[in-house]
Amino acid sequence: MLSPRPRQACALIATAFALASVGVAQSGPSTPLGPGPVAAMFAADQKRNAVRAASFETADLPASKAAAFPARVYLSAGDLERAFDRSEFRPDAAIVPTNTELLITAPQPATQRVLISRLQKQAEVLRDLEDQIATRRKQASPGAAGEPGLLRIGIDAFAVQLPRSTAKAVNGSFPKAACLIATDFPKGTAIDRRELYAQDRVRKGVAACLESLDTAGARSVVLPLMGAASSETQKNDAMFEGQRALMECRLINSTAGIALGIHDYAASRRSLREIGIVQWDREIDVMFKVPAGGRAAQSAEAAYRTYAEQVSGAFRRGLAGEKTISSDISGSCNAVLDIK
């Protein structure tokens, strides 16, 4: 178990995404609004997931030069699918993991299927997305030694509208806009190259996505933890750690990178009022759920609470512009958190 210890660029955004409204009603830049879909899902998941109360936290972003109102960031345990399928929880936009080749039917990353499986039920919207991707393929790749593909992991992002045309109303279980960040190769295996998930890389992609979606008029955005590759098994385990400990480290690292990206974007905020970071509750259960009663249950609960405190610490530090490093966490996260 990892235990707490006291603390001692812009990415490439596709030009195919027009900087136009994502289809939400606009209000004046200084007009505050009541709670939106992200807040609604946060409150519902708190009640639904009472045993995971330690995984819920909020933080406010101060007003910026372009937005005279604060924004709220929600860290929760839930399921991205609920944010898409329930209209009362559906945000204006989402940040979704993709792969370096923008192959939307590839097996990795697994979370990409949450969006694509829903778009496949709307043939016109799916074709429009494929057209936007085809346009992106005609543009020059950023190119980097040892990093093949259209997008570099963590750094490059691709923003799309779903669909671009607003002439015909589309009622689908997905937001009106999305920003795709590469977090894996199409067939996986990037999990063994932890340098690709350094917090200073992930923060660039997240900040660029938020900037793009904000400029397009989105008021609410959700995103899952990214770059943990929890559907895969790490093969190059130099520290000889158990997979659960590795997953903890990767999820903490993901939280830190995302929070840093939010910090980097915050000063330029214009429209966004809600940002939701969703930790997959089933992932937490895989790591910590055991049959009720007995010593195993008590140990699992203690391990979960320690892990949740570490995620919360990474969240708070990131929003303050501070990276999370191994000295912030007692354990064996050096190979994940201290990547240069």
Protein backbone atom coordinates (compact mmCIF):
# COMPACT_ATOMS: atom_id res chain seq x y z
CA MET A 1 0.00 0.00 0.00
CA LEU A 2 1.20 3.47 -0.75
CA SER A 3 1.10 5.68 2.32
CA PRO A 4 1.06 9.47 2.53
CA ARG A 5 4.16 11.44 3.42
CA PRO A 6 4.31 15.18 4.16
CA ARG A 7 5.56 17.21 1.28
CA GLN A 8 9.29 18.09 1.46
CA ALA A 9 3.43 24.83 -26.00
CA CYS A 10 1.01 24.85 -27.05
CA ALA A 11 -0.26 21.53 -28.45
CA LEU A 12 -1.33 21.01 -32.04
CA ILE A 13 -5.07 21.73 -32.39
CA ALA A 14 -6.70 20.83 -35.67
CA THR A 15 -7.77 23.76 -37.80
CA ALA A 16 -10.78 21.72 -38.90
CA PHE A 17 -12.48 22.68 -35.64
CA ALA A 18 -14.10 26.03 -36.36
CA LEU A 19 -14.06 28.44 -33.47
CA ALA A 20 -17.80 28.69 -33.40
CA SER A 21 -20.48 27.95 -30.82
CA VAL A 22 -20.83 24.29 -29.94
CA GLY A 23 -24.56 24.83 -30.04
CA VAL A 24 -25.28 26.05 -26.51
CA ALA A 25 -27.10 29.25 -25.72
CA GLN A 26 -24.60 31.97 -24.99
CA SER A 27 -24.81 34.51 -22.23
CA GLY A 28 -22.75 37.58 -21.49
CA PRO A 29 -19.17 36.97 -20.34
CA SER A 30 -19.90 38.20 -16.84
CA THR A 31 -23.19 36.38 -16.36
CA PRO A 32 -23.00 33.75 -13.61
CA LEU A 33 -25.09 30.62 -14.04
CA GLY A 34 -26.48 28.08 -11.62
CA PRO A 35 -25.20 24.50 -11.34
CA GLY A 36 -24.99 22.69 -14.65
CA PRO A 37 -24.75 19.08 -15.82
CA VAL A 38 -21.34 18.41 -14.27
CA ALA A 39 -22.57 19.55 -10.85
CA ALA A 40 -25.72 17.44 -11.27
CA MET A 41 -23.75 14.28 -12.03
CA PHE A 42 -21.32 14.99 -9.19
CA ALA A 43 -24.19 15.25 -6.68
CA ALA A 44 -25.92 12.13 -8.02
CA ASP A 45 -22.73 10.07 -7.96
CA GLN A 46 -21.97 11.16 -4.41
CA LYS A 47 -25.28 9.63 -3.31
CA ARG A 48 -24.88 6.57 -5.53
CA ASN A 49 -21.28 5.95 -4.48
CA ALA A 50 -21.35 6.80 -0.78
CA VAL A 51 -18.65 4.20 0.00
CA ARG A 52 -16.29 6.16 -2.29
CA ALA A 53 -16.91 9.51 -0.59
CA ALA A 54 -13.16 10.14 -0.30
CA SER A 55 -12.94 10.30 -4.11
CA PHE A 56 -15.14 13.40 -4.38
CA GLU A 57 -13.69 16.89 -4.20
CA THR A 58 -14.29 20.32 -5.68
CA ALA A 59 -12.12 23.37 -6.24
CA ASP A 60 -12.85 26.81 -7.65
CA LEU A 61 -10.95 28.62 -10.38
CA PRO A 62 -10.91 32.37 -9.84
CA ALA A 63 -12.35 34.86 -12.27
CA SER A 64 -10.11 35.67 -15.22
CA LYS A 65 -9.63 38.76 -17.36
CA ALA A 66 -12.21 37.47 -19.84
CA ALA A 67 -14.60 35.86 -17.33
CA ALA A 68 -15.76 37.85 -14.34
CA PHE A 69 -17.17 34.71 -12.71
CA PRO A 70 -15.40 31.73 -11.11
CA ALA A 71 -15.50 28.18 -12.44
CA ARG A 72 -15.69 24.96 -10.48
CA VAL A 73 -13.63 21.82 -10.99
CA TYR A 74 -15.20 18.54 -9.87
CA LEU A 75 -13.19 15.42 -9.07
CA SER A 76 -15.47 12.41 -8.70
CA ALA A 77 -15.84 8.64 -8.87
CA GLY A 78 -18.31 7.66 -11.56
CA ASP A 79 -18.62 6.56 -15.16
CA LEU A 80 -18.11 8.63 -18.30
CA GLU A 81 -20.94 6.71 -19.92
CA ARG A 82 -23.45 8.25 -17.50
CA ALA A 83 -22.29 11.72 -18.55
CA PHE A 84 -23.11 10.82 -22.16
CA ASP A 85 -26.28 8.77 -21.74
CA ARG A 86 -28.18 10.88 -19.21
CA SER A 87 -29.33 14.15 -20.76
CA GLU A 88 -29.32 15.94 -17.39
CA PHE A 89 -25.64 15.03 -16.97
CA ARG A 90 -24.52 15.58 -20.57
CA PRO A 91 -21.93 18.40 -20.86
CA ASP A 92 -21.39 20.70 -23.81
CA ALA A 93 -18.07 18.99 -24.55
CA ALA A 94 -15.79 16.16 -23.51
CA ILE A 95 -12.08 15.42 -23.67
CA VAL A 96 -11.64 11.83 -24.80
CA PRO A 97 -8.52 9.65 -25.19
CA THR A 98 -7.59 8.46 -28.68
CA ASN A 99 -4.54 6.84 -30.28
CA THR A 100 -1.59 8.30 -32.13
CA GLU A 101 -3.04 7.43 -35.56
CA LEU A 102 -6.59 8.72 -34.90
CA LEU A 103 -7.94 5.25 -35.71
CA ILE A 104 -11.33 5.48 -34.07
CA THR A 105 -12.09 1.75 -34.32
CA ALA A 106 -8.72 0.60 -32.94
CA PRO A 107 -8.73 -1.44 -29.70
CA GLN A 108 -6.75 1.16 -27.76
CA PRO A 109 -7.32 3.25 -25.83
CA ALA A 110 -10.39 1.45 -24.49
CA THR A 111 -12.09 4.66 -23.28
CA GLN A 112 -12.32 5.90 -26.87
CA ARG A 113 -15.10 3.36 -27.41
CA VAL A 114 -17.36 5.22 -24.98
CA LEU A 115 -17.65 7.99 -27.57
CA ILE A 116 -17.33 6.00 -30.80
CA SER A 117 -19.90 3.34 -29.91
CA ARG A 118 -22.49 6.08 -29.47
CA LEU A 119 -21.53 7.90 -32.66
CA GLN A 120 -21.95 4.65 -34.59
CA LYS A 121 -25.67 4.88 -33.88
CA GLN A 122 -25.75 8.24 -35.71
CA ALA A 123 -24.38 7.49 -39.19
CA GLU A 124 -24.32 11.12 -40.37
CA VAL A 125 -22.47 12.31 -37.29
CA LEU A 126 -19.95 9.49 -37.57
CA ARG A 127 -19.31 10.30 -41.23
CA ASP A 128 -18.80 13.93 -40.33
CA LEU A 129 -16.25 12.95 -37.70
CA GLU A 130 -14.47 10.73 -40.24
CA ASP A 131 -14.37 13.70 -42.64
CA GLN A 132 -12.81 15.88 -39.97
CA ILE A 133 -10.21 13.19 -39.30
CA ALA A 134 -9.52 12.87 -43.04
CA THR A 135 -8.86 16.60 -43.19
CA ARG A 136 -6.46 16.29 -40.26
CA ARG A 137 -4.58 13.48 -42.03
CA LYS A 138 -3.78 15.86 -44.88
CA GLN A 139 -1.98 18.18 -42.49
CA ALA A 140 1.64 17.75 -41.53
CA SER A 141 2.42 15.49 -38.60
CA PRO A 142 4.33 17.18 -35.74
CA GLY A 143 7.00 14.49 -36.08
CA ALA A 144 9.29 13.44 -33.29
CA ALA A 145 12.00 10.82 -32.96
CA GLY A 146 10.56 7.60 -31.61
CA GLU A 147 7.01 8.97 -31.67
CA PRO A 148 5.29 7.83 -34.87
CA GLY A 149 1.77 8.85 -35.82
CA LEU A 150 -0.41 11.90 -36.41
CA LEU A 151 -0.50 12.87 -32.74
CA ARG A 152 2.14 12.70 -30.04
CA ILE A 153 0.99 11.08 -26.81
CA GLY A 154 -0.09 13.61 -24.22
CA ILE A 155 0.95 16.66 -26.20
CA ASP A 156 -1.16 16.86 -29.34
CA ALA A 157 -4.91 17.23 -29.44
CA PHE A 158 -7.62 17.18 -32.08
CA ALA A 159 -10.86 19.09 -31.51
CA VAL A 160 -14.05 18.19 -33.40
CA GLN A 161 -17.69 19.17 -33.56
CA LEU A 162 -20.38 16.48 -33.43
CA PRO A 163 -21.43 17.37 -36.07
CA ARG A 164 -20.08 20.52 -37.73
CA SER A 165 -23.40 21.44 -39.30
CA THR A 166 -26.05 22.77 -36.95
CA ALA A 167 -28.71 22.88 -39.64
CA LYS A 168 -30.23 19.62 -38.45
CA ALA A 169 -30.79 18.84 -34.80
CA VAL A 170 -29.01 15.70 -33.60
CA ASN A 171 -30.26 13.87 -30.54
CA GLY A 172 -27.51 11.48 -29.57
CA SER A 173 -25.90 10.21 -26.40
CA PHE A 174 -22.81 12.35 -26.80
CA PRO A 175 -21.78 15.99 -26.33
CA LYS A 176 -21.81 18.56 -29.13
CA ALA A 177 -18.04 18.80 -29.21
CA ALA A 178 -15.05 16.70 -28.26
CA CYS A 179 -11.31 17.07 -28.04
CA LEU A 180 -9.24 13.95 -28.60
CA ILE A 181 -5.86 13.52 -26.91
CA ALA A 182 -3.56 10.68 -27.90
CA THR A 183 -2.84 8.43 -24.93
CA ASP A 184 -1.77 5.18 -26.61
CA PHE A 185 -0.71 3.49 -29.83
CA PRO A 186 -3.53 1.86 -31.84
CA LYS A 187 -2.56 -1.61 -30.62
CA GLY A 188 -1.52 -0.54 -27.14
CA THR A 189 1.96 -1.07 -25.61
CA ALA A 190 2.60 2.62 -24.85
CA ILE A 191 2.10 1.71 -21.21
CA ASP A 192 5.69 0.44 -21.19
CA ARG A 193 7.01 3.85 -22.23
CA ARG A 194 6.23 5.86 -19.13
CA GLU A 195 8.23 8.86 -20.38
CA LEU A 196 5.34 9.49 -22.78
CA TYR A 197 3.03 10.13 -19.81
CA ALA A 198 5.15 12.68 -17.97
CA GLN A 199 2.98 15.31 -16.30
CA ASP A 200 4.59 18.08 -18.33
CA ARG A 201 3.41 16.36 -21.52
CA VAL A 202 -0.16 15.57 -20.46
CA ARG A 203 -0.72 19.09 -19.14
CA LYS A 204 -0.06 20.50 -22.63
CA GLY A 205 -2.73 18.41 -24.31
CA VAL A 206 -5.30 19.08 -21.58
CA ALA A 207 -4.66 22.84 -21.58
CA ALA A 208 -4.91 22.99 -25.38
CA CYS A 209 -8.18 21.07 -25.38
CA LEU A 210 -9.73 23.29 -22.73
CA GLU A 211 -8.64 26.40 -24.60
CA SER A 212 -10.13 25.14 -27.85
CA LEU A 213 -13.44 24.00 -26.34
CA ASP A 214 -13.74 27.21 -24.33
CA THR A 215 -13.15 29.35 -27.42
CA ALA A 216 -15.91 27.36 -29.14
CA GLY A 217 -18.33 28.43 -26.40
CA ALA A 218 -18.54 25.33 -24.22
CA ARG A 219 -19.65 26.01 -20.67
CA SER A 220 -19.22 22.48 -19.31
CA VAL A 221 -16.58 19.82 -20.01
CA VAL A 222 -15.96 16.34 -18.64
CA LEU A 223 -12.92 14.11 -19.04
CA PRO A 224 -11.79 10.77 -17.63
CA LEU A 225 -8.42 10.08 -16.10
CA MET A 226 -6.13 9.50 -19.07
CA GLY A 227 -2.83 7.78 -19.73
CA ALA A 228 -3.19 5.16 -16.99
CA ALA A 229 -3.77 2.38 -19.57
CA SER A 230 -5.52 0.38 -16.86
CA SER A 231 -6.99 -2.02 -19.42
CA GLU A 232 -3.45 -3.22 -20.17
CA THR A 233 -0.75 -4.99 -18.17
CA GLN A 234 2.63 -3.34 -17.90
CA LYS A 235 5.34 -5.71 -19.10
CA ASN A 236 8.50 -3.69 -18.46
CA ASP A 237 8.11 -3.50 -14.69
CA ALA A 238 11.56 -2.32 -13.66
CA MET A 239 10.49 -1.83 -10.05
CA PHE A 240 8.94 -5.33 -9.79
CA GLU A 241 5.80 -3.83 -8.30
CA GLY A 242 2.42 -5.50 -8.28
CA GLN A 243 0.03 -4.33 -10.96
CA ARG A 244 -2.34 -2.73 -8.46
CA ALA A 245 0.42 -0.55 -7.05
CA LEU A 246 1.40 0.40 -10.59
CA MET A 247 -2.19 1.30 -11.38
CA GLU A 248 -2.36 3.50 -8.29
CA CYS A 249 0.78 5.33 -9.37
CA ARG A 250 -0.45 5.78 -12.94
CA LEU A 251 -3.83 7.12 -11.84
CA ILE A 252 -2.21 9.56 -9.41
CA ASN A 253 0.11 10.69 -12.21
CA SER A 254 -2.86 11.14 -14.56
CA THR A 255 -4.73 13.25 -12.00
CA ALA A 256 -1.65 15.44 -11.54
CA GLY A 257 -1.15 16.00 -15.28
CA ILE A 258 -4.80 16.88 -15.86
CA ALA A 259 -4.89 19.30 -12.93
CA LEU A 260 -1.72 20.99 -14.19
CA GLY A 261 -3.36 21.42 -17.59
CA ILE A 262 -6.38 23.06 -15.96
CA HIS A 263 -4.03 25.40 -14.08
CA ASP A 264 -2.21 26.35 -17.28
CA TYR A 265 -5.48 27.11 -19.07
CA ALA A 266 -7.28 28.92 -16.23
CA ALA A 267 -5.95 32.43 -16.85
CA SER A 268 -7.40 32.49 -20.38
CA ARG A 269 -10.82 31.11 -19.42
CA ARG A 270 -13.80 32.79 -21.06
CA SER A 271 -16.86 30.53 -21.22
CA LEU A 272 -16.23 27.44 -19.14
CA ARG A 273 -18.00 27.24 -15.81
CA GLU A 274 -17.69 23.53 -15.00
CA ILE A 275 -14.92 20.97 -15.51
CA GLY A 276 -15.51 17.41 -14.37
CA ILE A 277 -12.70 14.87 -13.88
CA VAL A 278 -14.23 11.40 -13.66
CA GLN A 279 -12.39 8.56 -11.97
CA TRP A 280 -13.90 5.30 -13.19
CA ASP A 281 -15.62 3.79 -10.15
CA ARG A 282 -15.26 0.23 -11.44
CA GLU A 283 -11.51 0.79 -11.66
CA ILE A 284 -11.43 1.78 -8.00
CA ASP A 285 -13.47 -1.33 -7.15
CA VAL A 286 -11.01 -3.55 -9.02
CA MET A 287 -8.20 -2.19 -6.87
CA PHE A 288 -9.91 -2.12 -3.49
CA LYS A 289 -13.22 -4.00 -3.34
CA VAL A 290 -13.24 -7.22 -1.29
CA PRO A 291 -16.06 -9.17 0.42
CA ALA A 292 -17.51 -7.25 3.36
CA GLY A 293 -16.39 -8.14 6.88
CA GLY A 294 -13.10 -9.38 8.22
CA ARG A 295 -9.56 -8.06 8.21
CA ALA A 296 -9.29 -8.00 4.42
CA ALA A 297 -12.16 -5.54 4.20
CA GLN A 298 -10.63 -3.29 6.84
CA SER A 299 -7.25 -3.36 5.10
CA ALA A 300 -8.85 -2.66 1.72
CA GLU A 301 -10.76 0.31 3.13
CA ALA A 302 -7.59 1.73 4.69
CA ALA A 303 -5.70 1.25 1.41
CA TYR A 304 -8.50 2.95 -0.53
CA ARG A 305 -8.57 5.95 1.78
CA THR A 306 -4.81 6.36 1.52
CA TYR A 307 -5.03 6.18 -2.28
CA ALA A 308 -7.91 8.70 -2.37
CA GLU A 309 -5.90 11.11 -0.21
CA GLN A 310 -3.00 10.85 -2.65
CA VAL A 311 -5.24 11.50 -5.65
CA SER A 312 -6.74 14.48 -3.83
CA GLY A 313 -3.26 15.81 -3.08
CA ALA A 314 -2.22 15.48 -6.73
CA PHE A 315 -5.44 17.27 -7.71
CA ARG A 316 -4.83 20.20 -5.36
CA ARG A 317 -1.14 20.52 -6.18
CA GLY A 318 -1.82 20.45 -9.91
CA LEU A 319 -4.44 23.18 -9.72
CA ALA A 320 -1.87 25.26 -7.84
CA GLY A 321 0.66 24.68 -10.63
CA GLU A 322 2.79 22.18 -8.68
CA LYS A 323 3.81 18.77 -10.01
CA THR A 324 3.38 15.65 -7.90
CA ILE A 325 6.70 13.84 -7.39
CA SER A 326 7.74 10.69 -5.59
CA SER A 327 8.65 12.57 -2.42
CA ASP A 328 4.98 13.55 -2.12
CA ILE A 329 4.02 9.89 -1.88
CA SER A 330 5.65 7.21 0.21
CA GLY A 331 5.87 4.07 -1.87
CA SER A 332 7.35 2.96 -5.17
CA CYS A 333 6.02 5.52 -7.64
CA ASN A 334 9.46 6.78 -8.64
CA ALA A 335 9.34 5.13 -12.08
CA VAL A 336 5.98 6.76 -12.81
CA LEU A 337 6.06 10.18 -11.13
CA ASP A 338 9.69 11.17 -11.63
CA ILE A 339 9.90 10.68 -15.39
CA LYS A 340 11.95 13.43 -17.02
